N, C-alpha and C. Protein backbone atom coordinates (compact mmCIF):
# COMPACT_ATOMS: atom_id res chain seq x y z
N GLU A 1 0.62 -1.12 -0.08
CA GLU A 1 -0.26 0.33 -0.18
C GLU A 1 0.73 1.22 -0.02
N ARG A 2 1.95 0.81 1.10
CA ARG A 2 3.09 2.06 1.02
C ARG A 2 3.21 3.05 -0.55
N ASP A 3 3.79 1.75 -1.11
CA ASP A 3 4.17 2.32 -2.61
C ASP A 3 3.92 1.80 -4.14
N LYS A 4 2.39 2.37 -3.77
CA LYS A 4 1.41 1.51 -4.69
C LYS A 4 1.74 3.28 -6.25
N ARG A 5 1.90 3.60 -5.42
CA ARG A 5 2.11 5.32 -7.04
C ARG A 5 3.23 4.30 -7.89
N THR A 6 4.37 3.90 -6.85
CA THR A 6 5.33 3.84 -7.66
C THR A 6 4.91 2.38 -8.63
N ILE A 7 4.67 1.50 -7.42
CA ILE A 7 4.29 0.49 -8.60
C ILE A 7 3.38 0.05 -10.04
N MET A 8 2.24 1.76 -9.71
CA MET A 8 1.87 1.70 -11.17
C MET A 8 2.12 2.76 -11.84
N VAL A 9 3.17 3.10 -11.89
CA VAL A 9 3.99 4.09 -12.80
C VAL A 9 4.93 3.55 -13.47
N GLN A 10 5.57 2.75 -12.30
CA GLN A 10 6.61 1.33 -13.11
C GLN A 10 5.67 0.63 -14.14
N THR A 11 4.55 0.19 -13.92
CA THR A 11 3.87 -1.34 -14.14
C THR A 11 3.19 -0.49 -15.47
N ILE A 12 2.89 0.43 -15.31
CA ILE A 12 2.75 1.51 -17.03
C ILE A 12 3.07 1.84 -17.46
N ASN A 13 4.70 2.21 -17.03
CA ASN A 13 5.70 2.40 -18.17
C ASN A 13 6.20 1.91 -18.35
N TYR A 14 6.58 0.02 -18.24
CA TYR A 14 7.18 -1.35 -18.60
C TYR A 14 7.08 -2.16 -17.92
N GLY A 15 5.67 -2.42 -17.36
CA GLY A 15 4.86 -3.67 -17.30
C GLY A 15 4.04 -4.22 -18.89
N HIS A 16 3.68 -5.58 -18.88
CA HIS A 16 3.36 -6.33 -19.86
C HIS A 16 1.63 -5.82 -19.50
N TRP A 17 1.25 -6.60 -20.51
CA TRP A 17 -0.33 -6.32 -20.46
C TRP A 17 -0.51 -6.87 -19.26
N ARG A 18 -0.63 -8.46 -18.96
CA ARG A 18 -1.05 -9.30 -18.14
C ARG A 18 -1.06 -8.32 -15.90
N HIS A 19 0.30 -7.58 -16.58
CA HIS A 19 1.09 -6.46 -15.71
C HIS A 19 -0.26 -5.72 -14.86
N TRP A 20 -0.59 -4.86 -16.52
CA TRP A 20 -1.90 -3.91 -16.53
C TRP A 20 -2.84 -4.21 -15.80
N GLN A 21 -2.74 -5.50 -16.02
CA GLN A 21 -4.28 -6.43 -15.67
C GLN A 21 -4.67 -6.47 -14.25
N TRP A 22 -3.23 -7.09 -13.63
CA TRP A 22 -3.06 -7.44 -12.25
C TRP A 22 -3.06 -5.88 -11.80
N ILE A 23 -2.65 -4.90 -11.54
CA ILE A 23 -3.04 -3.18 -10.94
C ILE A 23 -4.33 -2.96 -11.28
N SER A 24 -4.91 -3.80 -12.03
CA SER A 24 -6.38 -3.35 -12.35
C SER A 24 -7.49 -3.76 -11.14
N ARG A 25 -7.07 -5.14 -11.12
CA ARG A 25 -7.80 -5.60 -10.44
C ARG A 25 -7.32 -5.87 -9.03
N THR A 26 -6.22 -5.12 -8.89
CA THR A 26 -5.43 -4.92 -6.94
C THR A 26 -6.06 -3.83 -6.49
N TYR A 27 -5.62 -3.06 -7.22
CA TYR A 27 -6.08 -1.37 -7.13
C TYR A 27 -7.83 -1.03 -7.46
N GLY A 28 -8.28 -1.60 -8.47
CA GLY A 28 -9.12 -1.20 -9.33
C GLY A 28 -8.99 0.11 -10.11
N ARG A 29 -10.09 0.00 -10.70
CA ARG A 29 -10.00 1.19 -12.52
C ARG A 29 -9.72 1.94 -11.79
N ALA A 30 -10.63 3.00 -10.85
CA ALA A 30 -11.08 3.87 -9.83
C ALA A 30 -9.52 4.43 -9.26
N GLY A 31 -9.04 3.43 -8.87
CA GLY A 31 -7.99 3.73 -8.09
C GLY A 31 -6.50 4.22 -8.80
N VAL A 32 -6.31 3.60 -9.71
CA VAL A 32 -5.63 3.78 -10.89
C VAL A 32 -5.89 4.86 -11.33
N ARG A 33 -6.65 5.27 -11.93
CA ARG A 33 -7.28 6.66 -12.87
C ARG A 33 -7.09 7.38 -11.68
N ARG A 34 -6.80 7.49 -10.28
CA ARG A 34 -6.92 8.49 -9.48
C ARG A 34 -5.17 9.02 -9.41
N VAL A 35 -4.92 7.94 -9.10
CA VAL A 35 -3.67 7.58 -9.27
C VAL A 35 -1.95 8.70 -10.21
N ILE A 36 -2.85 8.22 -11.50
CA ILE A 36 -2.50 8.47 -12.39
C ILE A 36 -2.77 10.07 -12.99
N GLU A 37 -3.70 10.14 -12.34
CA GLU A 37 -4.38 11.87 -12.94
C GLU A 37 -3.21 12.97 -11.42
N GLU A 38 -3.06 12.25 -11.03
CA GLU A 38 -2.71 12.77 -10.03
C GLU A 38 -1.22 12.80 -9.08
N THR A 39 -0.47 12.42 -10.83
CA THR A 39 0.45 12.24 -10.64
C THR A 39 1.22 12.25 -12.34
N PRO A 40 2.91 13.64 -11.92
CA PRO A 40 2.85 14.32 -13.06
C PRO A 40 2.96 13.57 -14.40
N GLU A 41 2.40 14.31 -15.32
CA GLU A 41 2.65 13.52 -16.89
C GLU A 41 4.59 13.25 -16.69
N SER A 42 5.49 14.16 -16.58
CA SER A 42 6.92 14.01 -16.74
C SER A 42 7.25 12.34 -16.42
N GLU A 43 6.76 12.05 -15.36
CA GLU A 43 6.96 10.94 -14.92
C GLU A 43 6.20 9.36 -15.45
N PHE A 44 6.14 9.57 -16.21
CA PHE A 44 5.86 8.45 -17.90
C PHE A 44 5.85 8.66 -19.29
N ARG A 45 6.15 7.38 -19.19
CA ARG A 45 6.83 7.46 -20.88
C ARG A 45 5.72 7.97 -21.94
N PRO A 46 5.96 8.79 -22.88
CA PRO A 46 4.76 9.07 -24.02
C PRO A 46 4.17 8.03 -23.92
N ALA A 47 4.16 7.15 -24.97
CA ALA A 47 2.90 5.84 -25.23
C ALA A 47 2.53 5.16 -24.34
N ALA A 48 3.23 5.50 -23.19
CA ALA A 48 2.28 4.20 -22.19
C ALA A 48 1.11 5.41 -21.83
N LEU A 49 1.69 6.46 -21.09
CA LEU A 49 0.33 7.53 -21.25
C LEU A 49 -0.38 7.71 -21.97
N LYS A 50 -0.13 7.91 -22.74
CA LYS A 50 -1.50 7.64 -23.87
C LYS A 50 -2.40 6.07 -23.77
N LEU A 51 -1.15 5.25 -24.06
CA LEU A 51 -2.23 3.52 -23.92
C LEU A 51 -3.01 3.74 -22.42
N ALA A 52 -2.80 4.38 -21.45
CA ALA A 52 -3.25 4.34 -19.99
C ALA A 52 -4.20 5.33 -20.16
N SER A 53 -4.62 6.44 -20.95
CA SER A 53 -5.44 8.04 -20.29
C SER A 53 -6.97 7.30 -21.43
N LEU A 54 -6.34 5.90 -22.23
CA LEU A 54 -7.69 5.28 -23.29
C LEU A 54 -8.16 4.28 -22.41
N LEU A 55 -7.65 4.29 -21.80
CA LEU A 55 -8.05 2.43 -21.22
C LEU A 55 -8.54 2.91 -19.77
N PHE A 56 -7.95 3.83 -19.33
CA PHE A 56 -8.79 4.41 -18.22
C PHE A 56 -9.83 5.59 -18.09
N GLY A 57 -9.72 5.84 -18.86
CA GLY A 57 -10.10 7.44 -19.21
C GLY A 57 -10.16 8.24 -18.55
N ILE A 58 -8.71 8.37 -19.09
CA ILE A 58 -8.52 9.95 -17.52
C ILE A 58 -8.36 10.98 -18.83
N GLN A 59 -9.21 12.13 -18.77
CA GLN A 59 -9.18 13.44 -19.61
C GLN A 59 -8.08 14.02 -18.93
N ARG A 60 -8.21 14.56 -18.15
CA ARG A 60 -6.73 15.46 -18.02
C ARG A 60 -5.88 14.92 -17.15
N MET A 61 -4.85 15.59 -17.21
CA MET A 61 -3.59 15.32 -16.39
C MET A 61 -2.60 16.37 -15.72
N LYS A 62 -2.27 15.98 -14.35
CA LYS A 62 -1.43 16.92 -13.51
C LYS A 62 -0.13 17.39 -14.30
N TYR A 63 0.16 19.01 -14.69
CA TYR A 63 1.49 19.32 -14.50
C TYR A 63 2.05 19.22 -14.02
N ALA A 64 3.82 19.29 -13.47
CA ALA A 64 4.42 19.82 -12.54
C ALA A 64 5.46 19.27 -13.43
N SER A 65 6.17 20.45 -13.71
CA SER A 65 8.18 19.60 -13.99
C SER A 65 8.85 18.58 -12.87
N ARG A 66 8.85 18.38 -13.46
CA ARG A 66 10.45 17.33 -12.49
C ARG A 66 10.50 17.63 -11.80
N SER A 67 11.32 18.65 -11.20
CA SER A 67 12.20 19.24 -10.96
C SER A 67 11.27 19.48 -9.63
N ALA A 68 10.10 20.14 -10.24
CA ALA A 68 9.34 21.13 -9.31
C ALA A 68 8.93 19.69 -8.08
N TYR A 69 8.11 18.32 -8.96
CA TYR A 69 7.89 17.76 -8.21
C TYR A 69 8.06 16.83 -6.79
N ILE A 70 9.66 16.85 -7.73
CA ILE A 70 10.86 16.34 -6.56
C ILE A 70 11.00 17.31 -5.35
N ARG A 71 10.96 18.15 -5.44
CA ARG A 71 11.50 19.56 -4.35
C ARG A 71 10.31 19.87 -3.24
N ASN A 72 8.88 19.20 -4.33
CA ASN A 72 7.97 19.21 -3.46
C ASN A 72 7.72 17.91 -2.22
N GLN A 73 8.16 16.56 -3.04
CA GLN A 73 8.62 15.10 -2.27
C GLN A 73 9.13 15.66 -1.11
N LYS A 74 9.99 16.45 -1.00
CA LYS A 74 11.71 16.42 -0.42
C LYS A 74 10.72 17.18 0.77
N ALA A 75 9.75 18.49 0.44
CA ALA A 75 9.45 19.03 1.26
C ALA A 75 8.73 18.12 2.42
N LEU A 76 7.38 17.71 1.80
CA LEU A 76 6.61 16.80 1.85
C LEU A 76 7.61 15.80 3.08
N ALA A 77 8.62 15.41 2.83
CA ALA A 77 9.04 14.07 3.45
C ALA A 77 9.55 15.56 4.62
N ARG A 78 10.29 16.08 4.89
CA ARG A 78 10.81 16.90 5.46
C ARG A 78 9.60 17.31 7.04
N ALA A 79 8.23 17.45 6.49
CA ALA A 79 7.87 17.89 7.03
C ALA A 79 6.70 17.23 8.39
């Protein structure tokens, strides 16, 4: 549960179809959609993001530059 965002992002970027099916069964389509929408576009490979958007019905993505996202995560970890 603690690493579910990392698991989903890496699966979407590098996983095979059976891995995509597993995250969908494990976390639910709505859960996967929510994590993808809350994750900056820069975390995903462009082709993988396009497919995920089609499969999970994602209309909009959160945009943040990679450096801004990393700074934000470090600030949250310190708090």
